[in-house]
Amino acid sequence: MNLTLNADLQKLIDDRVRSGKYATPEDVVAAAISTLDQHERLSDFDVGELDALLEEGERSIVEHGTLDGDEAYQMRRERRAQLRGKAS
């Protein structure tokens, strides 16, 4: 297979090889394809969904502040106890 890459992609590949982390341009491409495959198989998010969720979280912090970790843990324990009480 022969591919034609634009100058930016070629530079990225060359930089990775020059860094010594990869022996050949083929190794860089193989690592990139492997990472893409893993991402597509394991990702639970649609394209752009994670970015939207992160933005929503950041807005929530600005609007409502944050919770102390101990406080959040206690709230979770109380919620679980309530749910167990309803299940009985």
Protein backbone atom coordinates (compact mmCIF):
# COMPACT_ATOMS: atom_id res chain seq x y z
CA MET A 1 0.00 0.00 0.00
CA ASN A 2 1.28 3.44 -0.88
CA LEU A 3 -0.07 6.57 0.76
CA THR A 4 0.42 10.22 0.05
CA LEU A 5 0.51 12.31 3.22
CA ASN A 6 0.27 16.04 3.55
CA ALA A 7 3.31 17.89 4.88
CA ASP A 8 1.92 18.24 8.42
CA LEU A 9 1.34 14.50 8.81
CA GLN A 10 4.72 13.70 7.31
CA LYS A 11 6.38 16.06 9.80
CA LEU A 12 4.55 14.41 12.71
CA ILE A 13 5.77 11.01 11.60
CA ASP A 14 9.32 12.24 11.02
CA ASP A 15 9.36 13.90 14.45
CA ARG A 16 8.31 10.65 16.12
CA VAL A 17 11.03 8.70 14.35
CA ARG A 18 13.64 11.38 15.14
CA SER A 19 12.66 11.23 18.81
CA GLY A 20 13.87 7.64 18.89
CA LYS A 21 10.60 6.31 20.20
CA TYR A 22 9.87 4.65 16.85
CA ALA A 23 12.40 2.96 14.57
CA THR A 24 10.62 3.58 11.28
CA PRO A 25 7.75 5.61 9.82
CA GLU A 26 5.87 2.31 9.45
CA ASP A 27 6.12 1.81 13.24
CA VAL A 28 4.56 5.24 13.80
CA VAL A 29 1.69 4.49 11.43
CA ALA A 30 1.15 1.05 12.98
CA ALA A 31 0.98 2.59 16.47
CA ALA A 32 -1.44 5.27 15.25
CA ILE A 33 -3.74 2.71 13.61
CA SER A 34 -3.61 0.49 16.69
CA THR A 35 -4.54 3.45 18.91
CA LEU A 36 -7.37 4.43 16.57
CA ASP A 37 -8.69 0.86 16.55
CA GLN A 38 -8.55 0.64 20.33
CA HIS A 39 -10.26 3.99 20.70
CA GLU A 40 -13.06 3.02 18.34
CA ARG A 41 -13.60 -0.37 19.97
CA LEU A 42 -13.46 0.78 23.59
CA SER A 43 -14.89 4.28 23.44
CA ASP A 44 -18.37 4.72 24.83
CA PHE A 45 -18.64 8.23 23.43
CA ASP A 46 -19.76 9.45 20.05
CA VAL A 47 -17.58 11.98 18.26
CA GLY A 48 -17.76 15.25 20.20
CA GLU A 49 -19.80 13.76 23.04
CA LEU A 50 -16.94 13.71 25.55
CA ASP A 51 -16.06 17.33 24.77
CA ALA A 52 -19.70 18.32 25.30
CA LEU A 53 -19.82 16.48 28.63
CA LEU A 54 -16.60 18.15 29.79
CA GLU A 55 -17.99 21.56 28.85
CA GLU A 56 -21.19 20.78 30.75
CA GLY A 57 -19.16 19.78 33.80
CA GLU A 58 -17.12 22.97 33.65
CA ARG A 59 -20.29 25.07 33.41
CA SER A 60 -21.72 23.22 36.40
CA ILE A 61 -18.62 23.99 38.46
CA VAL A 62 -18.89 27.69 37.60
CA GLU A 63 -22.64 27.79 38.35
CA HIS A 64 -22.86 25.47 41.35
CA GLY A 65 -19.32 25.07 42.68
CA THR A 66 -17.76 21.77 43.64
CA LEU A 67 -18.33 19.23 46.39
CA ASP A 68 -15.78 18.21 48.95
CA GLY A 69 -14.83 14.56 48.37
CA ASP A 70 -15.89 13.49 51.87
CA GLU A 71 -19.21 15.30 51.45
CA ALA A 72 -19.84 13.63 48.08
CA TYR A 73 -19.00 10.22 49.54
CA GLN A 74 -21.39 10.77 52.45
CA MET A 75 -24.18 11.86 50.08
CA ARG A 76 -23.61 8.70 48.03
CA ARG A 77 -23.78 6.50 51.12
CA GLU A 78 -27.03 8.16 52.19
CA ARG A 79 -28.54 7.73 48.72
CA ARG A 80 -27.60 4.05 48.65
CA ALA A 81 -29.10 3.54 52.11
CA GLN A 82 -32.35 5.19 50.95
CA LEU A 83 -32.47 2.97 47.86
CA ARG A 84 -31.91 -0.14 49.95
CA GLY A 85 -34.73 0.97 52.27
CA LYS A 86 -37.12 1.34 49.32
CA ALA A 87 -36.21 -2.09 47.97
CA SER A 88 -37.25 -3.82 51.19
